[in-house]
PDB file of all heavy atoms in Angstrom:
ATOM      1  N   ALA A   1      50.385   3.673   5.737  1.00  0.00           N
ATOM      2  CA  ALA A   1      49.212   2.932   6.169  1.00  0.00           C
ATOM      3  C   ALA A   1      48.053   3.833   6.465  1.00  0.00           C
ATOM      4  O   ALA A   1      46.905   3.560   6.096  1.00  0.00           O
ATOM      5  CB  ALA A   1      49.601   2.093   7.396  1.00  0.00           C
ATOM      6  N   LEU A   2      48.323   4.963   7.132  1.00  0.00           N
ATOM      7  CA  LEU A   2      47.226   5.905   7.502  1.00  0.00           C
ATOM      8  C   LEU A   2      46.700   6.624   6.256  1.00  0.00           C
ATOM      9  O   LEU A   2      45.509   6.953   6.173  1.00  0.00           O
ATOM     10  CB  LEU A   2      47.701   6.896   8.560  1.00  0.00           C
ATOM     11  CG  LEU A   2      48.041   6.287   9.900  1.00  0.00           C
ATOM     12  CD1 LEU A   2      48.487   7.350  10.878  1.00  0.00           C
ATOM     13  CD2 LEU A   2      46.848   5.504  10.489  1.00  0.00           C
ATOM     14  N   ALA A   3      47.590   6.862   5.307  1.00  0.00           N
ATOM     15  CA  ALA A   3      47.092   7.455   4.034  1.00  0.00           C
ATOM     16  C   ALA A   3      46.183   6.536   3.296  1.00  0.00           C
ATOM     17  O   ALA A   3      45.140   6.918   2.756  1.00  0.00           O
ATOM     18  CB  ALA A   3      48.301   7.859   3.176  1.00  0.00           C
ATOM     19  N   ALA A   4      46.579   5.237   3.300  1.00  0.00           N
ATOM     20  CA  ALA A   4      45.728   4.241   2.642  1.00  0.00           C
ATOM     21  C   ALA A   4      44.378   4.137   3.364  1.00  0.00           C
ATOM     22  O   ALA A   4      43.326   3.928   2.768  1.00  0.00           O
ATOM     23  CB  ALA A   4      46.448   2.881   2.631  1.00  0.00           C
ATOM     24  N   GLU A   5      44.423   4.238   4.707  1.00  0.00           N
ATOM     25  CA  GLU A   5      43.180   4.183   5.469  1.00  0.00           C
ATOM     26  C   GLU A   5      42.246   5.343   5.104  1.00  0.00           C
ATOM     27  O   GLU A   5      41.058   5.175   4.963  1.00  0.00           O
ATOM     28  CB  GLU A   5      43.502   4.213   6.960  1.00  0.00           C
ATOM     29  CG  GLU A   5      42.347   3.881   7.867  1.00  0.00           C
ATOM     30  CD  GLU A   5      41.714   5.120   8.466  1.00  0.00           C
ATOM     31  OE1 GLU A   5      42.333   6.200   8.418  1.00  0.00           O
ATOM     32  OE2 GLU A   5      40.598   5.013   8.986  1.00  0.00           O
ATOM     33  N   GLY A   6      42.831   6.516   4.927  1.00  0.00           N
ATOM     34  CA  GLY A   6      42.027   7.684   4.601  1.00  0.00           C
ATOM     35  C   GLY A   6      41.462   7.591   3.201  1.00  0.00           C
ATOM     36  O   GLY A   6      40.306   7.970   2.936  1.00  0.00           O
ATOM     37  N   ILE A   7      42.282   7.106   2.246  1.00  0.00           N
ATOM     38  CA  ILE A   7      41.842   7.083   0.841  1.00  0.00           C
ATOM     39  C   ILE A   7      40.889   5.956   0.557  1.00  0.00           C
ATOM     40  O   ILE A   7      39.851   6.136  -0.067  1.00  0.00           O
ATOM     41  CB  ILE A   7      43.100   6.955  -0.066  1.00  0.00           C
ATOM     42  CG1 ILE A   7      43.973   8.234   0.056  1.00  0.00           C
ATOM     43  CG2 ILE A   7      42.711   6.745  -1.527  1.00  0.00           C
ATOM     44  CD1 ILE A   7      45.322   8.136  -0.634  1.00  0.00           C
ATOM     45  N   PHE A   8      41.264   4.738   1.025  1.00  0.00           N
ATOM     46  CA  PHE A   8      40.489   3.546   0.638  1.00  0.00           C
ATOM     47  C   PHE A   8      39.427   3.174   1.628  1.00  0.00           C
ATOM     48  O   PHE A   8      38.520   2.396   1.301  1.00  0.00           O
ATOM     49  CB  PHE A   8      41.466   2.330   0.493  1.00  0.00           C
ATOM     50  CG  PHE A   8      42.486   2.563  -0.564  1.00  0.00           C
ATOM     51  CD1 PHE A   8      43.826   2.645  -0.257  1.00  0.00           C
ATOM     52  CD2 PHE A   8      42.154   2.678  -1.912  1.00  0.00           C
ATOM     53  CE1 PHE A   8      44.804   2.835  -1.183  1.00  0.00           C
ATOM     54  CE2 PHE A   8      43.120   2.851  -2.870  1.00  0.00           C
ATOM     55  CZ  PHE A   8      44.436   2.976  -2.532  1.00  0.00           C
ATOM     56  N   ALA A   9      39.456   3.673   2.820  1.00  0.00           N
ATOM     57  CA  ALA A   9      38.511   3.239   3.825  1.00  0.00           C
ATOM     58  C   ALA A   9      37.608   4.341   4.337  1.00  0.00           C
ATOM     59  O   ALA A   9      36.383   4.314   4.126  1.00  0.00           O
ATOM     60  CB  ALA A   9      39.286   2.611   5.026  1.00  0.00           C
ATOM     61  N   PHE A  10      38.188   5.362   4.926  1.00  0.00           N
ATOM     62  CA  PHE A  10      37.385   6.419   5.506  1.00  0.00           C
ATOM     63  C   PHE A  10      36.552   7.143   4.450  1.00  0.00           C
ATOM     64  O   PHE A  10      35.378   7.467   4.641  1.00  0.00           O
ATOM     65  CB  PHE A  10      38.236   7.414   6.264  1.00  0.00           C
ATOM     66  CG  PHE A  10      37.464   8.423   7.062  1.00  0.00           C
ATOM     67  CD1 PHE A  10      36.812   8.079   8.227  1.00  0.00           C
ATOM     68  CD2 PHE A  10      37.319   9.726   6.599  1.00  0.00           C
ATOM     69  CE1 PHE A  10      36.083   9.003   8.964  1.00  0.00           C
ATOM     70  CE2 PHE A  10      36.593  10.649   7.324  1.00  0.00           C
ATOM     71  CZ  PHE A  10      35.958  10.286   8.495  1.00  0.00           C
ATOM     72  N   ALA A  11      37.189   7.403   3.288  1.00  0.00           N
ATOM     73  CA  ALA A  11      36.427   8.083   2.195  1.00  0.00           C
ATOM     74  C   ALA A  11      35.267   7.223   1.744  1.00  0.00           C
ATOM     75  O   ALA A  11      34.186   7.714   1.453  1.00  0.00           O
ATOM     76  CB  ALA A  11      37.390   8.412   1.044  1.00  0.00           C
ATOM     77  N   LEU A  12      35.502   5.896   1.626  1.00  0.00           N
ATOM     78  CA  LEU A  12      34.434   5.009   1.184  1.00  0.00           C
ATOM     79  C   LEU A  12      33.312   5.003   2.212  1.00  0.00           C
ATOM     80  O   LEU A  12      32.131   5.111   1.863  1.00  0.00           O
ATOM     81  CB  LEU A  12      35.032   3.603   0.994  1.00  0.00           C
ATOM     82  CG  LEU A  12      34.026   2.488   0.625  1.00  0.00           C
ATOM     83  CD1 LEU A  12      33.473   2.741  -0.789  1.00  0.00           C
ATOM     84  CD2 LEU A  12      34.725   1.138   0.684  1.00  0.00           C
ATOM     85  N   GLU A  13      33.658   4.845   3.469  1.00  0.00           N
ATOM     86  CA  GLU A  13      32.686   4.763   4.544  1.00  0.00           C
ATOM     87  C   GLU A  13      31.873   6.047   4.664  1.00  0.00           C
ATOM     88  O   GLU A  13      30.635   6.030   4.669  1.00  0.00           O
ATOM     89  CB  GLU A  13      33.363   4.436   5.843  1.00  0.00           C
ATOM     90  CG  GLU A  13      32.418   4.158   7.007  1.00  0.00           C
ATOM     91  CD  GLU A  13      33.192   3.776   8.253  1.00  0.00           C
ATOM     92  OE1 GLU A  13      34.407   3.946   8.339  1.00  0.00           O
ATOM     93  OE2 GLU A  13      32.512   3.311   9.221  1.00  0.00           O
ATOM     94  N   SER A  14      32.573   7.191   4.763  1.00  0.00           N
ATOM     95  CA  SER A  14      31.859   8.432   4.945  1.00  0.00           C
ATOM     96  C   SER A  14      31.133   8.907   3.711  1.00  0.00           C
ATOM     97  O   SER A  14      30.086   9.515   3.778  1.00  0.00           O
ATOM     98  CB  SER A  14      32.854   9.544   5.389  1.00  0.00           C
ATOM     99  OG  SER A  14      33.899   9.691   4.448  1.00  0.00           O
ATOM    100  N   GLY A  15      31.645   8.519   2.519  1.00  0.00           N
ATOM    101  CA  GLY A  15      31.004   8.894   1.284  1.00  0.00           C
ATOM    102  C   GLY A  15      29.636   8.266   1.107  1.00  0.00           C
ATOM    103  O   GLY A  15      28.661   8.915   0.670  1.00  0.00           O
ATOM    104  N   PHE A  16      29.506   6.995   1.489  1.00  0.00           N
ATOM    105  CA  PHE A  16      28.212   6.322   1.341  1.00  0.00           C
ATOM    106  C   PHE A  16      27.354   6.476   2.602  1.00  0.00           C
ATOM    107  O   PHE A  16      26.177   6.057   2.585  1.00  0.00           O
ATOM    108  CB  PHE A  16      28.461   4.827   1.052  1.00  0.00           C
ATOM    109  CG  PHE A  16      28.785   4.554  -0.384  1.00  0.00           C
ATOM    110  CD1 PHE A  16      30.089   4.489  -0.807  1.00  0.00           C
ATOM    111  CD2 PHE A  16      27.767   4.379  -1.328  1.00  0.00           C
ATOM    112  CE1 PHE A  16      30.410   4.204  -2.130  1.00  0.00           C
ATOM    113  CE2 PHE A  16      28.056   4.124  -2.659  1.00  0.00           C
ATOM    114  CZ  PHE A  16      29.390   4.055  -3.057  1.00  0.00           C
ATOM    115  N   LEU A  17      27.935   7.011   3.684  1.00  0.00           N
ATOM    116  CA  LEU A  17      27.139   7.161   4.920  1.00  0.00           C
ATOM    117  C   LEU A  17      25.971   8.090   4.719  1.00  0.00           C
ATOM    118  O   LEU A  17      24.881   7.845   5.271  1.00  0.00           O
ATOM    119  CB  LEU A  17      28.050   7.676   6.019  1.00  0.00           C
ATOM    120  CG  LEU A  17      27.418   7.727   7.430  1.00  0.00           C
ATOM    121  CD1 LEU A  17      27.049   6.344   7.911  1.00  0.00           C
ATOM    122  CD2 LEU A  17      28.410   8.410   8.410  1.00  0.00           C
ATOM    123  N   GLY A  18      26.144   9.123   3.912  1.00  0.00           N
ATOM    124  CA  GLY A  18      25.058  10.070   3.655  1.00  0.00           C
ATOM    125  C   GLY A  18      23.867   9.359   2.978  1.00  0.00           C
ATOM    126  O   GLY A  18      22.706   9.598   3.343  1.00  0.00           O
ATOM    127  N   ILE A  19      24.162   8.508   2.004  1.00  0.00           N
ATOM    128  CA  ILE A  19      23.124   7.763   1.377  1.00  0.00           C
ATOM    129  C   ILE A  19      22.433   6.780   2.344  1.00  0.00           C
ATOM    130  O   ILE A  19      21.229   6.656   2.370  1.00  0.00           O
ATOM    131  CB  ILE A  19      23.629   6.998   0.148  1.00  0.00           C
ATOM    132  CG1 ILE A  19      24.276   7.948  -0.855  1.00  0.00           C
ATOM    133  CG2 ILE A  19      22.523   6.165  -0.524  1.00  0.00           C
ATOM    134  CD1 ILE A  19      24.927   7.276  -2.024  1.00  0.00           C
ATOM    135  N   LEU A  20      23.257   6.149   3.183  1.00  0.00           N
ATOM    136  CA  LEU A  20      22.731   5.240   4.150  1.00  0.00           C
ATOM    137  C   LEU A  20      21.719   5.879   5.089  1.00  0.00           C
ATOM    138  O   LEU A  20      20.669   5.323   5.394  1.00  0.00           O
ATOM    139  CB  LEU A  20      23.896   4.614   4.958  1.00  0.00           C
ATOM    140  CG  LEU A  20      23.513   3.640   6.091  1.00  0.00           C
ATOM    141  CD1 LEU A  20      22.951   2.340   5.517  1.00  0.00           C
ATOM    142  CD2 LEU A  20      24.731   3.326   6.959  1.00  0.00           C
ATOM    143  N   ILE A  21      22.080   7.091   5.599  1.00  0.00           N
ATOM    144  CA  ILE A  21      21.257   7.764   6.576  1.00  0.00           C
ATOM    145  C   ILE A  21      20.085   8.474   5.940  1.00  0.00           C
ATOM    146  O   ILE A  21      18.956   8.375   6.390  1.00  0.00           O
ATOM    147  CB  ILE A  21      22.110   8.758   7.399  1.00  0.00           C
ATOM    148  CG1 ILE A  21      23.218   8.016   8.137  1.00  0.00           C
ATOM    149  CG2 ILE A  21      21.212   9.513   8.379  1.00  0.00           C
ATOM    150  CD1 ILE A  21      24.190   8.906   8.833  1.00  0.00           C
ATOM    151  N   PHE A  22      20.357   9.235   4.855  1.00  0.00           N
ATOM    152  CA  PHE A  22      19.325  10.119   4.274  1.00  0.00           C
ATOM    153  C   PHE A  22      18.735   9.604   2.962  1.00  0.00           C
ATOM    154  O   PHE A  22      17.921  10.282   2.353  1.00  0.00           O
ATOM    155  CB  PHE A  22      19.916  11.509   4.061  1.00  0.00           C
ATOM    156  CG  PHE A  22      20.503  12.112   5.271  1.00  0.00           C
ATOM    157  CD1 PHE A  22      21.886  12.287   5.410  1.00  0.00           C
ATOM    158  CD2 PHE A  22      19.731  12.550   6.333  1.00  0.00           C
ATOM    159  CE1 PHE A  22      22.464  12.812   6.558  1.00  0.00           C
ATOM    160  CE2 PHE A  22      20.266  13.116   7.504  1.00  0.00           C
ATOM    161  CZ  PHE A  22      21.649  13.258   7.561  1.00  0.00           C
ATOM    162  N   GLY A  23      19.185   8.425   2.527  1.00  0.00           N
ATOM    163  CA  GLY A  23      18.775   7.966   1.204  1.00  0.00           C
ATOM    164  C   GLY A  23      17.446   7.285   1.092  1.00  0.00           C
ATOM    165  O   GLY A  23      16.952   7.028  -0.014  1.00  0.00           O
ATOM    166  N   TRP A  24      16.814   6.972   2.259  1.00  0.00           N
ATOM    167  CA  TRP A  24      15.514   6.374   2.201  1.00  0.00           C
ATOM    168  C   TRP A  24      14.522   7.285   1.423  1.00  0.00           C
ATOM    169  O   TRP A  24      14.476   8.452   1.648  1.00  0.00           O
ATOM    170  CB  TRP A  24      14.930   6.159   3.602  1.00  0.00           C
ATOM    171  CG  TRP A  24      15.689   5.173   4.422  1.00  0.00           C
ATOM    172  CD1 TRP A  24      16.551   5.416   5.414  1.00  0.00           C
ATOM    173  CD2 TRP A  24      15.637   3.729   4.311  1.00  0.00           C
ATOM    174  NE1 TRP A  24      17.075   4.218   5.949  1.00  0.00           N
ATOM    175  CE2 TRP A  24      16.517   3.170   5.247  1.00  0.00           C
ATOM    176  CE3 TRP A  24      14.932   2.835   3.421  1.00  0.00           C
ATOM    177  CZ2 TRP A  24      16.715   1.803   5.391  1.00  0.00           C
ATOM    178  CZ3 TRP A  24      15.147   1.502   3.579  1.00  0.00           C
ATOM    179  CH2 TRP A  24      16.004   0.972   4.557  1.00  0.00           C
ATOM    180  N   ASN A  25      13.774   6.714   0.489  1.00  0.00           N
ATOM    181  CA  ASN A  25      12.808   7.426  -0.356  1.00  0.00           C
ATOM    182  C   ASN A  25      13.449   8.389  -1.320  1.00  0.00           C
ATOM    183  O   ASN A  25      12.768   9.178  -1.980  1.00  0.00           O
ATOM    184  CB  ASN A  25      11.795   8.192   0.521  1.00  0.00           C
ATOM    185  CG  ASN A  25      11.082   7.248   1.536  1.00  0.00           C
ATOM    186  OD1 ASN A  25      10.772   6.127   1.211  1.00  0.00           O
ATOM    187  ND2 ASN A  25      10.878   7.754   2.740  1.00  0.00           N
ATOM    188  N   ARG A  26      14.808   8.434  -1.380  1.00  0.00           N
ATOM    189  CA  ARG A  26      15.503   9.312  -2.349  1.00  0.00           C
ATOM    190  C   ARG A  26      16.269   8.463  -3.390  1.00  0.00           C
ATOM    191  O   ARG A  26      16.497   8.977  -4.514  1.00  0.00           O
ATOM    192  CB  ARG A  26      16.459  10.212  -1.631  1.00  0.00           C
ATOM    193  CG  ARG A  26      15.777  11.294  -0.769  1.00  0.00           C
ATOM    194  CD  ARG A  26      16.793  12.178  -0.065  1.00  0.00           C
ATOM    195  NE  ARG A  26      16.165  13.290   0.606  1.00  0.00           N
ATOM    196  CZ  ARG A  26      15.692  13.249   1.847  1.00  0.00           C
ATOM    197  NH1 ARG A  26      15.790  12.086   2.539  1.00  0.00           N
ATOM    198  NH2 ARG A  26      15.110  14.280   2.390  1.00  0.00           N
ATOM    199  N   VAL A  27      16.637   7.280  -3.054  1.00  0.00           N
ATOM    200  CA  VAL A  27      17.275   6.384  -4.002  1.00  0.00           C
ATOM    201  C   VAL A  27      16.536   5.033  -3.956  1.00  0.00           C
ATOM    202  O   VAL A  27      15.752   4.809  -3.038  1.00  0.00           O
ATOM    203  CB  VAL A  27      18.782   6.173  -3.663  1.00  0.00           C
ATOM    204  CG1 VAL A  27      19.550   7.458  -3.701  1.00  0.00           C
ATOM    205  CG2 VAL A  27      18.952   5.495  -2.293  1.00  0.00           C
ATOM    206  N   GLY A  28      16.757   4.256  -4.971  1.00  0.00           N
ATOM    207  CA  GLY A  28      16.111   2.934  -5.015  1.00  0.00           C
ATOM    208  C   GLY A  28      16.613   2.012  -3.913  1.00  0.00           C
ATOM    209  O   GLY A  28      17.675   2.212  -3.372  1.00  0.00           O
ATOM    210  N   PRO A  29      15.812   0.976  -3.627  1.00  0.00           N
ATOM    211  CA  PRO A  29      16.190   0.041  -2.546  1.00  0.00           C
ATOM    212  C   PRO A  29      17.539  -0.671  -2.815  1.00  0.00           C
ATOM    213  O   PRO A  29      18.274  -0.907  -1.875  1.00  0.00           O
ATOM    214  CB  PRO A  29      15.041  -0.954  -2.478  1.00  0.00           C
ATOM    215  CG  PRO A  29      14.316  -0.824  -3.788  1.00  0.00           C
ATOM    216  CD  PRO A  29      14.503   0.626  -4.213  1.00  0.00           C
ATOM    217  N   ARG A  30      17.828  -0.999  -4.077  1.00  0.00           N
ATOM    218  CA  ARG A  30      19.088  -1.653  -4.385  1.00  0.00           C
ATOM    219  C   ARG A  30      20.287  -0.721  -4.176  1.00  0.00           C
ATOM    220  O   ARG A  30      21.347  -1.118  -3.719  1.00  0.00           O
ATOM    221  CB  ARG A  30      19.064  -2.236  -5.783  1.00  0.00           C
ATOM    222  CG  ARG A  30      18.000  -3.348  -5.919  1.00  0.00           C
ATOM    223  CD  ARG A  30      18.084  -3.966  -7.313  1.00  0.00           C
ATOM    224  NE  ARG A  30      17.001  -4.908  -7.491  1.00  0.00           N
ATOM    225  CZ  ARG A  30      17.007  -6.190  -7.069  1.00  0.00           C
ATOM    226  NH1 ARG A  30      18.101  -6.627  -6.432  1.00  0.00           N
ATOM    227  NH2 ARG A  30      15.990  -7.008  -7.276  1.00  0.00           N
ATOM    228  N   VAL A  31      20.111   0.551  -4.581  1.00  0.00           N
ATOM    229  CA  VAL A  31      21.162   1.532  -4.403  1.00  0.00           C
ATOM    230  C   VAL A  31      21.406   1.756  -2.889  1.00  0.00           C
ATOM    231  O   VAL A  31      22.524   1.852  -2.452  1.00  0.00           O
ATOM    232  CB  VAL A  31      20.806   2.872  -5.099  1.00  0.00           C
ATOM    233  CG1 VAL A  31      21.843   3.937  -4.752  1.00  0.00           C
ATOM    234  CG2 VAL A  31      20.708   2.675  -6.584  1.00  0.00           C
ATOM    235  N   HIS A  32      20.308   1.814  -2.151  1.00  0.00           N
ATOM    236  CA  HIS A  32      20.486   1.985  -0.709  1.00  0.00           C
ATOM    237  C   HIS A  32      21.183   0.757  -0.072  1.00  0.00           C
ATOM    238  O   HIS A  32      22.073   0.934   0.808  1.00  0.00           O
ATOM    239  CB  HIS A  32      19.116   2.204  -0.008  1.00  0.00           C
ATOM    240  CG  HIS A  32      19.208   2.658   1.378  1.00  0.00           C
ATOM    241  ND1 HIS A  32      19.377   1.816   2.432  1.00  0.00           N
ATOM    242  CD2 HIS A  32      19.254   3.913   1.927  1.00  0.00           C
ATOM    243  CE1 HIS A  32      19.459   2.497   3.564  1.00  0.00           C
ATOM    244  NE2 HIS A  32      19.363   3.764   3.264  1.00  0.00           N
ATOM    245  N   PHE A  33      20.835  -0.417  -0.520  1.00  0.00           N
ATOM    246  CA  PHE A  33      21.489  -1.589  -0.018  1.00  0.00           C
ATOM    247  C   PHE A  33      22.971  -1.601  -0.388  1.00  0.00           C
ATOM    248  O   PHE A  33      23.807  -2.004   0.430  1.00  0.00           O
ATOM    249  CB  PHE A  33      20.801  -2.858  -0.613  1.00  0.00           C
ATOM    250  CG  PHE A  33      21.371  -4.157  -0.138  1.00  0.00           C
ATOM    251  CD1 PHE A  33      21.512  -4.402   1.241  1.00  0.00           C
ATOM    252  CD2 PHE A  33      21.752  -5.151  -0.999  1.00  0.00           C
ATOM    253  CE1 PHE A  33      22.049  -5.608   1.689  1.00  0.00           C
ATOM    254  CE2 PHE A  33      22.290  -6.352  -0.563  1.00  0.00           C
ATOM    255  CZ  PHE A  33      22.425  -6.563   0.792  1.00  0.00           C
ATOM    256  N   LEU A  34      23.279  -1.121  -1.608  1.00  0.00           N
ATOM    257  CA  LEU A  34      24.675  -1.022  -2.006  1.00  0.00           C
ATOM    258  C   LEU A  34      25.432  -0.037  -1.080  1.00  0.00           C
ATOM    259  O   LEU A  34      26.577  -0.303  -0.685  1.00  0.00           O
ATOM    260  CB  LEU A  34      24.776  -0.507  -3.454  1.00  0.00           C
ATOM    261  CG  LEU A  34      26.200  -0.218  -3.976  1.00  0.00           C
ATOM    262  CD1 LEU A  34      27.026  -1.505  -4.027  1.00  0.00           C
ATOM    263  CD2 LEU A  34      26.156   0.423  -5.362  1.00  0.00           C
ATOM    264  N   SER A  35      24.809   1.054  -0.730  1.00  0.00           N
ATOM    265  CA  SER A  35      25.439   1.999   0.183  1.00  0.00           C
ATOM    266  C   SER A  35      25.686   1.364   1.588  1.00  0.00           C
ATOM    267  O   SER A  35      26.689   1.644   2.203  1.00  0.00           O
ATOM    268  CB  SER A  35      24.614   3.268   0.341  1.00  0.00           C
ATOM    269  OG  SER A  35      23.424   3.020   1.082  1.00  0.00           O
ATOM    270  N   THR A  36      24.743   0.552   1.975  1.00  0.00           N
ATOM    271  CA  THR A  36      24.938  -0.163   3.293  1.00  0.00           C
ATOM    272  C   THR A  36      26.150  -1.082   3.263  1.00  0.00           C
ATOM    273  O   THR A  36      26.977  -1.133   4.180  1.00  0.00           O
ATOM    274  CB  THR A  36      23.696  -0.989   3.642  1.00  0.00           C
ATOM    275  OG1 THR A  36      22.525  -0.124   3.589  1.00  0.00           O
ATOM    276  CG2 THR A  36      23.836  -1.605   5.011  1.00  0.00           C
ATOM    277  N   ILE A  37      26.277  -1.800   2.129  1.00  0.00           N
ATOM    278  CA  ILE A  37      27.435  -2.681   1.968  1.00  0.00           C
ATOM    279  C   ILE A  37      28.752  -1.886   1.905  1.00  0.00           C
ATOM    280  O   ILE A  37      29.765  -2.275   2.545  1.00  0.00           O
ATOM    281  CB  ILE A  37      27.270  -3.520   0.655  1.00  0.00           C
ATOM    282  CG1 ILE A  37      26.104  -4.490   0.803  1.00  0.00           C
ATOM    283  CG2 ILE A  37      28.549  -4.333   0.379  1.00  0.00           C
ATOM    284  CD1 ILE A  37      25.772  -5.235  -0.457  1.00  0.00           C
TER     285      ILE A  37
END
């Protein structure tokens, strides 16, 4: 269960977190919205 959490959840959340925080004016609005989702 914890391995699945790390692979499918934490990696997804932390991977897109950088775009969410620093992606303004660096990626398009739709890509940024996708990162938020």
